[in-house]
Amino acid sequence: MCRPVTTTPALQRPGGALRHLRDTLRRAGKRSYTLAGGKPSPTKLANFPELDVFVLVACAQNSLLDSHGFYRPVVTPFELELACNPARTWTGSYLTDFRELLPGGNAHLEFPEALGAEDEGADVSLITGELRAARLGADPVPPASTALACRSQTLDLAEISPAASFLESRSWRGLEQHLGQTPVQKAVEGRRGIAIAYEDEACG
């Protein structure tokens, strides 16, 4: 999964860039999420461990980010196109202004039409080491968001959310409110002092 990150609302045509990135990722068979915030930091982006890569949408002067210390790679829209758009190849030139990649830009390249079965290449997974088919040209069939589930002899619609499924698999989900599960208690006077020497502790 990929998450485009936009850093400043003052950018010109950020909406067009986000739509272009989402369309590129959809055609490449990738799922995307959008995050709007300030300057990315390892602490901020570490809150999303289920994502594989972040795409930074920023002005040309702030596109190159020192990603040392980040839990996941932070790339530019140009690098994303190099990875996902079969029509774009590496020529040695590097673009930092995302506006050049948009329709009407000097470096815009249309995503190729769906490839035939005989034209589809193969790719080696760096994770499993197995050979897999590269079907970047074909539009993926969107997964169904609802499915029938048999519960108590009745058929109900069950919503399927990949993000919610990942959250369920976590052993720690942050601070949780157990409303109605814990007894209500009045506030009591706590301990006094500092952590290394509370008043009720004997000094050694």
N, C-alpha and C. Protein backbone atom coordinates (compact mmCIF):
# COMPACT_ATOMS: atom_id res chain seq x y z
N MET A 1 0.84 -1.19 0.00
CA MET A 1 0.00 0.00 0.00
C MET A 1 0.88 1.24 0.00
N CYS A 2 0.38 2.29 -0.60
CA CYS A 2 1.14 3.51 -0.76
C CYS A 2 0.30 4.68 -0.26
N ARG A 3 0.98 5.64 0.33
CA ARG A 3 0.27 6.80 0.86
C ARG A 3 0.91 8.08 0.31
N PRO A 4 0.20 8.82 -0.59
CA PRO A 4 0.69 10.14 -0.98
C PRO A 4 0.58 11.11 0.20
N VAL A 5 1.64 11.87 0.46
CA VAL A 5 1.67 12.82 1.57
C VAL A 5 1.83 14.22 1.00
N THR A 6 0.90 15.12 1.29
CA THR A 6 1.03 16.51 0.87
C THR A 6 1.40 17.35 2.08
N THR A 7 2.38 18.24 1.92
CA THR A 7 2.94 18.93 3.08
C THR A 7 2.41 20.34 3.26
N THR A 8 1.95 20.99 2.21
CA THR A 8 1.48 22.36 2.36
C THR A 8 0.29 22.63 1.47
N PRO A 9 -0.79 23.21 2.00
CA PRO A 9 -1.96 23.52 1.19
C PRO A 9 -1.71 24.64 0.18
N ALA A 10 -0.60 25.38 0.30
CA ALA A 10 -0.33 26.51 -0.58
C ALA A 10 0.20 26.09 -1.94
N LEU A 11 0.43 24.82 -2.15
CA LEU A 11 0.93 24.34 -3.43
C LEU A 11 -0.07 24.61 -4.53
N GLN A 12 0.44 24.91 -5.72
CA GLN A 12 -0.42 25.07 -6.88
C GLN A 12 -0.74 23.71 -7.47
N ARG A 13 -2.00 23.44 -7.70
CA ARG A 13 -2.50 22.21 -8.31
C ARG A 13 -2.15 20.96 -7.48
N PRO A 14 -2.24 21.01 -6.15
CA PRO A 14 -1.97 19.78 -5.40
C PRO A 14 -3.05 18.73 -5.63
N GLY A 15 -4.31 19.20 -5.85
CA GLY A 15 -5.39 18.25 -6.10
C GLY A 15 -5.16 17.48 -7.38
N GLY A 16 -4.69 18.17 -8.42
CA GLY A 16 -4.39 17.48 -9.67
C GLY A 16 -3.27 16.48 -9.51
N ALA A 17 -2.28 16.81 -8.70
CA ALA A 17 -1.18 15.88 -8.46
C ALA A 17 -1.67 14.65 -7.72
N LEU A 18 -2.53 14.85 -6.73
CA LEU A 18 -3.04 13.71 -5.97
C LEU A 18 -3.90 12.81 -6.84
N ARG A 19 -4.74 13.42 -7.68
CA ARG A 19 -5.56 12.61 -8.58
C ARG A 19 -4.69 11.83 -9.56
N HIS A 20 -3.64 12.47 -10.05
CA HIS A 20 -2.73 11.79 -10.98
C HIS A 20 -2.02 10.62 -10.29
N LEU A 21 -1.58 10.83 -9.05
CA LEU A 21 -0.90 9.76 -8.31
C LEU A 21 -1.86 8.61 -8.01
N ARG A 22 -3.08 8.95 -7.59
CA ARG A 22 -4.06 7.90 -7.29
C ARG A 22 -4.37 7.08 -8.54
N ASP A 23 -4.51 7.76 -9.68
CA ASP A 23 -4.80 7.05 -10.92
C ASP A 23 -3.64 6.16 -11.32
N THR A 24 -2.41 6.65 -11.16
CA THR A 24 -1.23 5.84 -11.49
C THR A 24 -1.16 4.61 -10.61
N LEU A 25 -1.40 4.78 -9.31
CA LEU A 25 -1.35 3.65 -8.39
C LEU A 25 -2.48 2.67 -8.66
N ARG A 26 -3.65 3.18 -9.00
CA ARG A 26 -4.78 2.29 -9.30
C ARG A 26 -4.47 1.44 -10.52
N ARG A 27 -3.93 2.07 -11.56
CA ARG A 27 -3.60 1.32 -12.77
C ARG A 27 -2.48 0.31 -12.52
N ALA A 28 -1.62 0.62 -11.57
CA ALA A 28 -0.54 -0.30 -11.24
C ALA A 28 -0.97 -1.39 -10.27
N GLY A 29 -2.24 -1.36 -9.86
CA GLY A 29 -2.74 -2.40 -8.97
C GLY A 29 -2.37 -2.18 -7.52
N LYS A 30 -2.11 -0.94 -7.14
CA LYS A 30 -1.73 -0.62 -5.76
C LYS A 30 -2.86 0.14 -5.07
N ARG A 31 -2.96 -0.06 -3.78
CA ARG A 31 -3.95 0.67 -2.99
C ARG A 31 -3.28 1.90 -2.39
N SER A 32 -3.99 3.02 -2.37
CA SER A 32 -3.40 4.26 -1.89
C SER A 32 -4.29 4.93 -0.86
N TYR A 33 -3.64 5.69 0.03
CA TYR A 33 -4.31 6.52 1.02
C TYR A 33 -3.66 7.90 0.97
N THR A 34 -4.39 8.92 1.37
CA THR A 34 -3.88 10.29 1.33
C THR A 34 -3.76 10.84 2.74
N LEU A 35 -2.63 11.46 3.02
CA LEU A 35 -2.36 12.06 4.32
C LEU A 35 -1.92 13.50 4.11
N ALA A 36 -2.59 14.45 4.76
CA ALA A 36 -2.23 15.87 4.69
C ALA A 36 -1.65 16.28 6.03
N GLY A 37 -0.47 16.88 5.99
CA GLY A 37 0.15 17.27 7.25
C GLY A 37 1.32 18.19 7.01
N GLY A 38 2.06 18.48 8.06
CA GLY A 38 3.24 19.33 7.95
C GLY A 38 4.42 18.55 7.42
N LYS A 39 5.60 18.99 7.79
CA LYS A 39 6.81 18.34 7.31
C LYS A 39 6.88 16.91 7.84
N PRO A 40 7.09 15.93 6.97
CA PRO A 40 7.14 14.53 7.43
C PRO A 40 8.33 14.30 8.37
N SER A 41 8.11 13.48 9.35
CA SER A 41 9.17 13.10 10.28
C SER A 41 9.06 11.60 10.54
N PRO A 42 10.16 10.96 10.95
CA PRO A 42 10.09 9.52 11.25
C PRO A 42 9.03 9.19 12.29
N THR A 43 8.85 10.07 13.26
CA THR A 43 7.86 9.81 14.31
C THR A 43 6.45 9.81 13.75
N LYS A 44 6.14 10.77 12.88
CA LYS A 44 4.80 10.85 12.30
C LYS A 44 4.49 9.63 11.43
N LEU A 45 5.40 9.33 10.51
CA LEU A 45 5.13 8.28 9.54
C LEU A 45 5.22 6.89 10.16
N ALA A 46 5.88 6.76 11.30
CA ALA A 46 5.96 5.46 11.96
C ALA A 46 4.61 5.03 12.52
N ASN A 47 3.63 5.94 12.56
CA ASN A 47 2.29 5.58 13.01
C ASN A 47 1.52 4.78 11.98
N PHE A 48 2.10 4.59 10.79
CA PHE A 48 1.43 3.85 9.72
C PHE A 48 2.33 2.71 9.24
N PRO A 49 2.60 1.73 10.09
CA PRO A 49 3.52 0.64 9.70
C PRO A 49 2.96 -0.28 8.64
N GLU A 50 1.64 -0.23 8.40
CA GLU A 50 1.06 -1.12 7.39
C GLU A 50 1.31 -0.63 5.97
N LEU A 51 1.84 0.58 5.80
CA LEU A 51 2.09 1.13 4.47
C LEU A 51 3.51 0.80 4.03
N ASP A 52 3.69 0.60 2.72
CA ASP A 52 4.98 0.18 2.18
C ASP A 52 5.86 1.35 1.77
N VAL A 53 5.27 2.44 1.32
CA VAL A 53 6.05 3.58 0.84
C VAL A 53 5.20 4.84 0.94
N PHE A 54 5.86 5.98 1.14
CA PHE A 54 5.19 7.28 1.19
C PHE A 54 5.66 8.10 -0.01
N VAL A 55 4.74 8.84 -0.63
CA VAL A 55 5.05 9.71 -1.76
C VAL A 55 4.87 11.15 -1.29
N LEU A 56 5.94 11.92 -1.32
CA LEU A 56 5.90 13.30 -0.83
C LEU A 56 5.52 14.25 -1.96
N VAL A 57 4.38 14.93 -1.82
CA VAL A 57 3.94 15.94 -2.79
C VAL A 57 4.26 17.30 -2.19
N ALA A 58 5.31 17.92 -2.70
CA ALA A 58 5.77 19.21 -2.17
C ALA A 58 6.30 20.05 -3.32
N CYS A 59 6.70 21.28 -3.01
CA CYS A 59 7.26 22.14 -4.05
C CYS A 59 8.62 21.60 -4.47
N ALA A 60 9.12 22.12 -5.59
CA ALA A 60 10.37 21.59 -6.15
C ALA A 60 11.54 21.76 -5.19
N GLN A 61 11.51 22.79 -4.34
CA GLN A 61 12.63 23.03 -3.43
C GLN A 61 12.60 22.10 -2.22
N ASN A 62 11.45 21.52 -1.93
CA ASN A 62 11.32 20.66 -0.74
C ASN A 62 11.00 19.22 -1.08
N SER A 63 11.13 18.84 -2.35
CA SER A 63 10.76 17.48 -2.75
C SER A 63 11.78 16.45 -2.29
N LEU A 64 13.05 16.83 -2.30
CA LEU A 64 14.10 15.89 -1.90
C LEU A 64 14.22 15.91 -0.39
N LEU A 65 13.89 14.81 0.23
CA LEU A 65 13.87 14.71 1.69
C LEU A 65 14.88 13.68 2.15
N ASP A 66 15.66 14.03 3.15
CA ASP A 66 16.60 13.06 3.72
C ASP A 66 15.79 12.03 4.49
N SER A 67 15.64 10.85 3.89
CA SER A 67 14.78 9.83 4.49
C SER A 67 15.54 8.93 5.46
N HIS A 68 16.74 9.33 5.86
CA HIS A 68 17.49 8.54 6.84
C HIS A 68 16.74 8.53 8.17
N GLY A 69 16.53 7.35 8.70
CA GLY A 69 15.81 7.22 9.96
C GLY A 69 14.33 6.94 9.80
N PHE A 70 13.81 7.04 8.57
CA PHE A 70 12.40 6.74 8.35
C PHE A 70 12.18 5.23 8.29
N TYR A 71 11.04 4.80 8.82
CA TYR A 71 10.71 3.38 8.85
C TYR A 71 10.40 2.85 7.46
N ARG A 72 9.86 3.70 6.60
CA ARG A 72 9.51 3.33 5.23
C ARG A 72 10.10 4.36 4.28
N PRO A 73 10.34 3.99 3.01
CA PRO A 73 10.90 4.96 2.05
C PRO A 73 9.94 6.12 1.80
N VAL A 74 10.51 7.30 1.61
CA VAL A 74 9.76 8.49 1.22
C VAL A 74 10.28 8.91 -0.15
N VAL A 75 9.43 8.81 -1.18
CA VAL A 75 9.86 9.05 -2.55
C VAL A 75 9.11 10.25 -3.12
N THR A 76 9.55 10.70 -4.29
CA THR A 76 8.91 11.81 -4.99
C THR A 76 7.92 11.26 -6.01
N PRO A 77 6.99 12.10 -6.50
CA PRO A 77 6.07 11.63 -7.55
C PRO A 77 6.80 11.11 -8.79
N PHE A 78 7.95 11.71 -9.12
CA PHE A 78 8.71 11.23 -10.28
C PHE A 78 9.21 9.81 -10.05
N GLU A 79 9.70 9.53 -8.84
CA GLU A 79 10.17 8.17 -8.54
C GLU A 79 9.02 7.18 -8.55
N LEU A 80 7.84 7.62 -8.11
CA LEU A 80 6.67 6.74 -8.16
C LEU A 80 6.32 6.39 -9.60
N GLU A 81 6.37 7.39 -10.49
CA GLU A 81 6.07 7.12 -11.90
C GLU A 81 7.10 6.18 -12.51
N LEU A 82 8.36 6.34 -12.14
CA LEU A 82 9.38 5.43 -12.65
C LEU A 82 9.08 3.99 -12.26
N ALA A 83 8.52 3.81 -11.07
CA ALA A 83 8.26 2.46 -10.58
C ALA A 83 6.96 1.88 -11.11
N CYS A 84 5.95 2.72 -11.35
CA CYS A 84 4.62 2.22 -11.67
C CYS A 84 4.17 2.43 -13.11
N ASN A 85 4.73 3.40 -13.80
CA ASN A 85 4.31 3.69 -15.17
C ASN A 85 5.27 3.03 -16.15
N PRO A 86 4.84 1.98 -16.87
CA PRO A 86 5.74 1.30 -17.80
C PRO A 86 6.22 2.19 -18.93
N ALA A 87 5.49 3.28 -19.23
CA ALA A 87 5.88 4.17 -20.32
C ALA A 87 7.06 5.06 -19.95
N ARG A 88 7.35 5.19 -18.66
CA ARG A 88 8.45 6.07 -18.23
C ARG A 88 9.69 5.23 -17.92
N THR A 89 10.79 5.60 -18.52
CA THR A 89 12.06 4.91 -18.31
C THR A 89 13.08 5.90 -17.78
N TRP A 90 14.11 5.37 -17.15
CA TRP A 90 15.15 6.22 -16.57
C TRP A 90 16.08 6.71 -17.66
N THR A 91 16.21 8.03 -17.79
CA THR A 91 17.06 8.63 -18.82
C THR A 91 18.26 9.35 -18.22
N GLY A 92 18.35 9.41 -16.91
CA GLY A 92 19.43 10.14 -16.26
C GLY A 92 19.01 11.50 -15.75
N SER A 93 17.90 12.03 -16.25
CA SER A 93 17.39 13.32 -15.78
C SER A 93 16.41 13.10 -14.64
N TYR A 94 16.39 14.02 -13.70
CA TYR A 94 15.55 13.89 -12.51
C TYR A 94 14.65 15.11 -12.39
N LEU A 95 13.37 14.87 -12.13
CA LEU A 95 12.39 15.95 -12.02
C LEU A 95 11.94 16.09 -10.57
N THR A 96 11.96 17.32 -10.08
CA THR A 96 11.48 17.57 -8.71
C THR A 96 10.16 18.33 -8.70
N ASP A 97 9.79 18.94 -9.83
CA ASP A 97 8.53 19.68 -9.91
C ASP A 97 7.44 18.73 -10.41
N PHE A 98 6.52 18.38 -9.53
CA PHE A 98 5.49 17.40 -9.90
C PHE A 98 4.55 17.92 -10.98
N ARG A 99 4.49 19.24 -11.17
CA ARG A 99 3.59 19.81 -12.18
C ARG A 99 3.99 19.39 -13.59
N GLU A 100 5.26 19.08 -13.79
CA GLU A 100 5.70 18.65 -15.12
C GLU A 100 5.19 17.26 -15.46
N LEU A 101 4.77 16.49 -14.45
CA LEU A 101 4.28 15.14 -14.68
C LEU A 101 2.79 15.11 -14.98
N LEU A 102 2.09 16.20 -14.70
CA LEU A 102 0.64 16.23 -14.86
C LEU A 102 0.27 16.40 -16.33
N PRO A 103 -0.97 16.07 -16.71
CA PRO A 103 -1.40 16.30 -18.09
C PRO A 103 -1.20 17.76 -18.49
N GLY A 104 -0.55 17.97 -19.64
CA GLY A 104 -0.21 19.31 -20.07
C GLY A 104 1.20 19.71 -19.71
N GLY A 105 1.85 18.94 -18.83
CA GLY A 105 3.23 19.24 -18.44
C GLY A 105 4.22 18.77 -19.49
N ASN A 106 5.44 19.30 -19.39
CA ASN A 106 6.47 18.96 -20.38
C ASN A 106 6.89 17.50 -20.32
N ALA A 107 6.79 16.89 -19.15
CA ALA A 107 7.27 15.51 -18.99
C ALA A 107 6.13 14.51 -18.80
N HIS A 108 4.91 14.93 -19.13
CA HIS A 108 3.77 14.02 -18.92
C HIS A 108 3.81 12.85 -19.91
N LEU A 109 3.59 11.65 -19.40
CA LEU A 109 3.51 10.44 -20.23
C LEU A 109 2.22 9.71 -19.88
N GLU A 110 1.44 9.40 -20.90
CA GLU A 110 0.20 8.66 -20.68
C GLU A 110 0.51 7.24 -20.23
N PHE A 111 -0.32 6.75 -19.32
CA PHE A 111 -0.19 5.35 -18.90
C PHE A 111 -0.58 4.47 -20.08
N PRO A 112 0.23 3.47 -20.44
CA PRO A 112 -0.08 2.64 -21.61
C PRO A 112 -1.36 1.86 -21.43
N GLU A 113 -1.94 1.47 -22.56
CA GLU A 113 -3.14 0.65 -22.52
C GLU A 113 -2.81 -0.72 -21.94
N ALA A 114 -3.85 -1.48 -21.62
CA ALA A 114 -3.67 -2.80 -21.03
C ALA A 114 -2.83 -3.67 -21.96
N LEU A 115 -1.83 -4.32 -21.39
CA LEU A 115 -0.97 -5.19 -22.17
C LEU A 115 -1.62 -6.53 -22.41
N GLY A 116 -1.32 -7.12 -23.55
CA GLY A 116 -1.81 -8.46 -23.83
C GLY A 116 -1.06 -9.49 -23.02
N ALA A 117 -1.61 -10.69 -22.95
CA ALA A 117 -0.98 -11.74 -22.15
C ALA A 117 0.42 -12.06 -22.66
N GLU A 118 0.61 -11.93 -24.01
CA GLU A 118 1.91 -12.27 -24.56
C GLU A 118 2.93 -11.17 -24.32
N ASP A 119 2.47 -9.94 -24.01
CA ASP A 119 3.38 -8.82 -23.80
C ASP A 119 3.72 -8.60 -22.34
N GLU A 120 3.04 -9.29 -21.46
CA GLU A 120 3.27 -9.08 -20.04
C GLU A 120 4.59 -9.72 -19.62
N GLY A 121 5.38 -8.93 -18.93
CA GLY A 121 6.67 -9.43 -18.48
C GLY A 121 6.56 -10.17 -17.17
N ALA A 122 7.71 -10.44 -16.59
CA ALA A 122 7.76 -11.13 -15.30
C ALA A 122 8.65 -10.33 -14.37
N ASP A 123 8.44 -10.53 -13.10
CA ASP A 123 9.18 -9.80 -12.09
C ASP A 123 9.55 -10.76 -10.98
N VAL A 124 10.70 -10.52 -10.36
CA VAL A 124 11.14 -11.34 -9.24
C VAL A 124 10.88 -10.58 -7.96
N SER A 125 10.12 -11.17 -7.06
CA SER A 125 9.81 -10.53 -5.79
C SER A 125 11.07 -10.49 -4.92
N LEU A 126 11.39 -9.30 -4.41
CA LEU A 126 12.55 -9.16 -3.54
C LEU A 126 12.28 -9.71 -2.14
N ILE A 127 11.03 -9.98 -1.85
CA ILE A 127 10.67 -10.49 -0.52
C ILE A 127 10.70 -12.01 -0.49
N THR A 128 10.01 -12.63 -1.47
CA THR A 128 9.92 -14.09 -1.49
C THR A 128 10.92 -14.73 -2.43
N GLY A 129 11.47 -13.96 -3.38
CA GLY A 129 12.39 -14.52 -4.35
C GLY A 129 11.71 -15.31 -5.45
N GLU A 130 10.38 -15.27 -5.51
CA GLU A 130 9.64 -16.03 -6.51
C GLU A 130 9.33 -15.16 -7.72
N LEU A 131 9.12 -15.83 -8.86
CA LEU A 131 8.77 -15.15 -10.10
C LEU A 131 7.28 -14.85 -10.09
N ARG A 132 6.93 -13.61 -10.44
CA ARG A 132 5.53 -13.22 -10.47
C ARG A 132 5.26 -12.44 -11.74
N ALA A 133 4.02 -12.48 -12.19
CA ALA A 133 3.64 -11.78 -13.42
C ALA A 133 3.54 -10.29 -13.14
N ALA A 134 4.03 -9.49 -14.08
CA ALA A 134 3.94 -8.04 -13.96
C ALA A 134 2.76 -7.56 -14.80
N ARG A 135 1.68 -7.21 -14.15
CA ARG A 135 0.46 -6.79 -14.85
C ARG A 135 0.18 -5.32 -14.55
N LEU A 136 1.17 -4.47 -14.81
CA LEU A 136 0.99 -3.07 -14.48
C LEU A 136 0.08 -2.36 -15.47
N GLY A 137 -0.04 -2.89 -16.69
CA GLY A 137 -0.81 -2.19 -17.70
C GLY A 137 -2.30 -2.36 -17.56
N ALA A 138 -2.76 -3.44 -16.98
CA ALA A 138 -4.19 -3.71 -16.91
C ALA A 138 -4.79 -3.07 -15.67
N ASP A 139 -5.97 -2.51 -15.83
CA ASP A 139 -6.68 -1.95 -14.69
C ASP A 139 -7.12 -3.09 -13.78
N PRO A 140 -6.75 -3.06 -12.52
CA PRO A 140 -7.15 -4.14 -11.62
C PRO A 140 -8.63 -4.10 -11.33
N VAL A 141 -9.20 -5.25 -11.12
CA VAL A 141 -10.61 -5.33 -10.75
C VAL A 141 -10.72 -4.91 -9.29
N PRO A 142 -11.47 -3.85 -8.99
CA PRO A 142 -11.55 -3.40 -7.60
C PRO A 142 -12.16 -4.48 -6.72
N PRO A 143 -11.54 -4.73 -5.56
CA PRO A 143 -12.09 -5.76 -4.68
C PRO A 143 -13.44 -5.33 -4.12
N ALA A 144 -14.30 -6.30 -3.94
CA ALA A 144 -15.62 -6.00 -3.40
C ALA A 144 -15.50 -5.51 -1.97
N SER A 145 -16.22 -4.44 -1.65
CA SER A 145 -16.15 -3.89 -0.31
C SER A 145 -17.14 -4.55 0.63
N THR A 146 -18.06 -5.33 0.08
CA THR A 146 -19.02 -6.04 0.92
C THR A 146 -19.04 -7.50 0.53
N ALA A 147 -19.36 -8.33 1.46
CA ALA A 147 -19.45 -9.76 1.21
C ALA A 147 -20.55 -10.34 2.10
N LEU A 148 -21.11 -11.46 1.67
CA LEU A 148 -22.15 -12.11 2.47
C LEU A 148 -21.51 -12.96 3.55
N ALA A 149 -22.01 -12.83 4.74
CA ALA A 149 -21.50 -13.61 5.86
C ALA A 149 -22.68 -14.27 6.55
N CYS A 150 -22.54 -15.54 6.85
CA CYS A 150 -23.61 -16.29 7.51
C CYS A 150 -23.48 -16.12 9.01
N ARG A 151 -24.48 -15.50 9.60
CA ARG A 151 -24.47 -15.27 11.04
C ARG A 151 -25.86 -15.58 11.57
N SER A 152 -25.91 -16.49 12.49
CA SER A 152 -27.17 -16.86 13.14
C SER A 152 -28.22 -17.25 12.11
N GLN A 153 -27.81 -18.01 11.11
CA GLN A 153 -28.70 -18.51 10.08
C GLN A 153 -29.32 -17.39 9.24
N THR A 154 -28.75 -16.19 9.28
CA THR A 154 -29.25 -15.09 8.46
C THR A 154 -28.09 -14.53 7.65
N LEU A 155 -28.40 -13.96 6.51
CA LEU A 155 -27.37 -13.38 5.66
C LEU A 155 -27.30 -11.89 5.91
N ASP A 156 -26.12 -11.41 6.31
CA ASP A 156 -25.91 -9.99 6.57
C ASP A 156 -24.78 -9.49 5.67
N LEU A 157 -24.77 -8.19 5.46
CA LEU A 157 -23.68 -7.57 4.72
C LEU A 157 -22.56 -7.24 5.69
N ALA A 158 -21.36 -7.71 5.39
CA ALA A 158 -20.21 -7.46 6.25
C ALA A 158 -19.24 -6.55 5.51
N GLU A 159 -18.90 -5.42 6.11
CA GLU A 159 -17.97 -4.48 5.50
C GLU A 159 -16.54 -4.98 5.68
N ILE A 160 -15.77 -4.95 4.60
CA ILE A 160 -14.38 -5.41 4.63
C ILE A 160 -13.48 -4.20 4.51
N SER A 161 -12.62 -3.98 5.49
CA SER A 161 -11.68 -2.86 5.47
C SER A 161 -10.29 -3.39 5.74
N PRO A 162 -9.35 -3.27 4.78
CA PRO A 162 -7.98 -3.74 5.01
C PRO A 162 -7.32 -3.05 6.19
N ALA A 163 -7.56 -1.74 6.34
CA ALA A 163 -6.96 -1.01 7.45
C ALA A 163 -7.50 -1.51 8.78
N ALA A 164 -8.82 -1.75 8.84
CA ALA A 164 -9.41 -2.26 10.08
C ALA A 164 -8.91 -3.66 10.40
N SER A 165 -8.73 -4.48 9.36
CA SER A 165 -8.22 -5.83 9.58
C SER A 165 -6.81 -5.79 10.15
N PHE A 166 -5.99 -4.87 9.64
CA PHE A 166 -4.63 -4.75 10.16
C PHE A 166 -4.64 -4.27 11.61
N LEU A 167 -5.55 -3.33 11.91
CA LEU A 167 -5.65 -2.84 13.28
C LEU A 167 -6.06 -3.95 14.23
N GLU A 168 -6.95 -4.83 13.78
CA GLU A 168 -7.38 -5.95 14.62
C GLU A 168 -6.23 -6.90 14.92
N SER A 169 -5.26 -6.99 13.99
CA SER A 169 -4.15 -7.93 14.19
C SER A 169 -3.08 -7.38 15.11
N ARG A 170 -3.14 -6.10 15.41
CA ARG A 170 -2.13 -5.51 16.30
C ARG A 170 -2.35 -5.97 17.73
N SER A 171 -1.23 -6.19 18.43
CA SER A 171 -1.34 -6.55 19.84
C SER A 171 -1.54 -5.31 20.71
N TRP A 172 -1.07 -4.16 20.26
CA TRP A 172 -1.27 -2.91 20.99
C TRP A 172 -1.86 -1.90 20.04
N ARG A 173 -2.97 -1.29 20.39
CA ARG A 173 -3.70 -0.38 19.51
C ARG A 173 -3.75 1.04 20.05
N GLY A 174 -2.89 1.37 20.97
CA GLY A 174 -2.93 2.70 21.55
C GLY A 174 -3.84 2.75 22.77
N LEU A 175 -4.08 3.93 23.27
CA LEU A 175 -4.94 4.10 24.44
C LEU A 175 -6.38 3.83 24.06
N GLU A 176 -7.02 2.96 24.80
CA GLU A 176 -8.39 2.57 24.50
C GLU A 176 -9.30 2.92 25.67
N GLN A 177 -10.50 3.35 25.36
CA GLN A 177 -11.50 3.63 26.39
C GLN A 177 -12.39 2.41 26.55
N HIS A 178 -12.32 1.80 27.69
CA HIS A 178 -13.17 0.64 27.98
C HIS A 178 -14.44 1.14 28.68
N LEU A 179 -15.29 1.81 27.92
CA LEU A 179 -16.49 2.40 28.49
C LEU A 179 -17.43 1.31 28.98
N GLY A 180 -17.86 1.45 30.23
CA GLY A 180 -18.78 0.49 30.81
C GLY A 180 -18.14 -0.80 31.26
N GLN A 181 -16.85 -0.98 31.06
CA GLN A 181 -16.17 -2.21 31.43
C GLN A 181 -15.36 -2.07 32.72
N THR A 182 -15.10 -0.84 33.14
CA THR A 182 -14.34 -0.61 34.36
C THR A 182 -15.19 0.18 35.34
N PRO A 183 -15.10 -0.10 36.65
CA PRO A 183 -15.91 0.62 37.63
C PRO A 183 -15.46 2.07 37.74
N VAL A 184 -16.43 2.95 38.03
CA VAL A 184 -16.14 4.38 38.19
C VAL A 184 -15.64 4.60 39.61
N GLN A 185 -14.51 5.29 39.75
CA GLN A 185 -13.92 5.55 41.06
C GLN A 185 -13.72 7.05 41.24
N LYS A 186 -13.83 7.50 42.49
CA LYS A 186 -13.57 8.90 42.80
C LYS A 186 -12.07 9.16 42.78
N ALA A 187 -11.73 10.40 42.54
CA ALA A 187 -10.32 10.79 42.53
C ALA A 187 -9.76 10.71 43.94
N VAL A 188 -8.57 10.18 44.07
CA VAL A 188 -7.92 10.04 45.37
C VAL A 188 -6.60 10.79 45.33
N GLU A 189 -6.09 11.15 46.49
CA GLU A 189 -4.83 11.86 46.57
C GLU A 189 -3.68 10.93 46.20
N GLY A 190 -2.83 11.39 45.32
CA GLY A 190 -1.72 10.58 44.86
C GLY A 190 -0.46 10.76 45.69
N ARG A 191 0.64 10.26 45.17
CA ARG A 191 1.92 10.35 45.86
C ARG A 191 2.56 11.71 45.59
N ARG A 192 3.40 12.13 46.52
CA ARG A 192 4.07 13.42 46.39
C ARG A 192 5.57 13.20 46.26
N GLY A 193 6.20 14.11 45.53
CA GLY A 193 7.64 14.01 45.36
C GLY A 193 8.01 13.85 43.90
N ILE A 194 9.22 13.41 43.67
CA ILE A 194 9.69 13.15 42.32
C ILE A 194 9.94 11.66 42.17
N ALA A 195 10.17 11.23 40.95
CA ALA A 195 10.21 9.79 40.68
C ALA A 195 11.29 9.07 41.47
N ILE A 196 12.40 9.73 41.76
CA ILE A 196 13.49 9.03 42.46
C ILE A 196 13.35 9.12 43.98
N ALA A 197 12.40 9.93 44.46
CA ALA A 197 12.28 10.07 45.91
C ALA A 197 10.89 10.58 46.27
N TYR A 198 9.90 9.65 46.37
CA TYR A 198 8.58 10.03 46.84
C TYR A 198 8.61 10.19 48.36
N GLU A 199 7.66 10.99 48.89
CA GLU A 199 7.66 11.28 50.32
C GLU A 199 7.40 10.04 51.16
N ASP A 200 6.65 9.07 50.62
CA ASP A 200 6.34 7.88 51.41
C ASP A 200 7.41 6.80 51.28
N GLU A 201 8.50 7.08 50.59
CA GLU A 201 9.58 6.10 50.44
C GLU A 201 10.73 6.48 51.36
N ALA A 202 11.33 5.47 51.94
CA ALA A 202 12.45 5.71 52.84
C ALA A 202 13.70 6.03 52.02
N CYS A 203 14.41 7.05 52.44
CA CYS A 203 15.65 7.42 51.75
C CYS A 203 16.78 6.53 52.24
N GLY A 204 17.49 5.87 51.29
CA GLY A 204 18.53 4.93 51.68
C GLY A 204 19.84 5.59 51.99
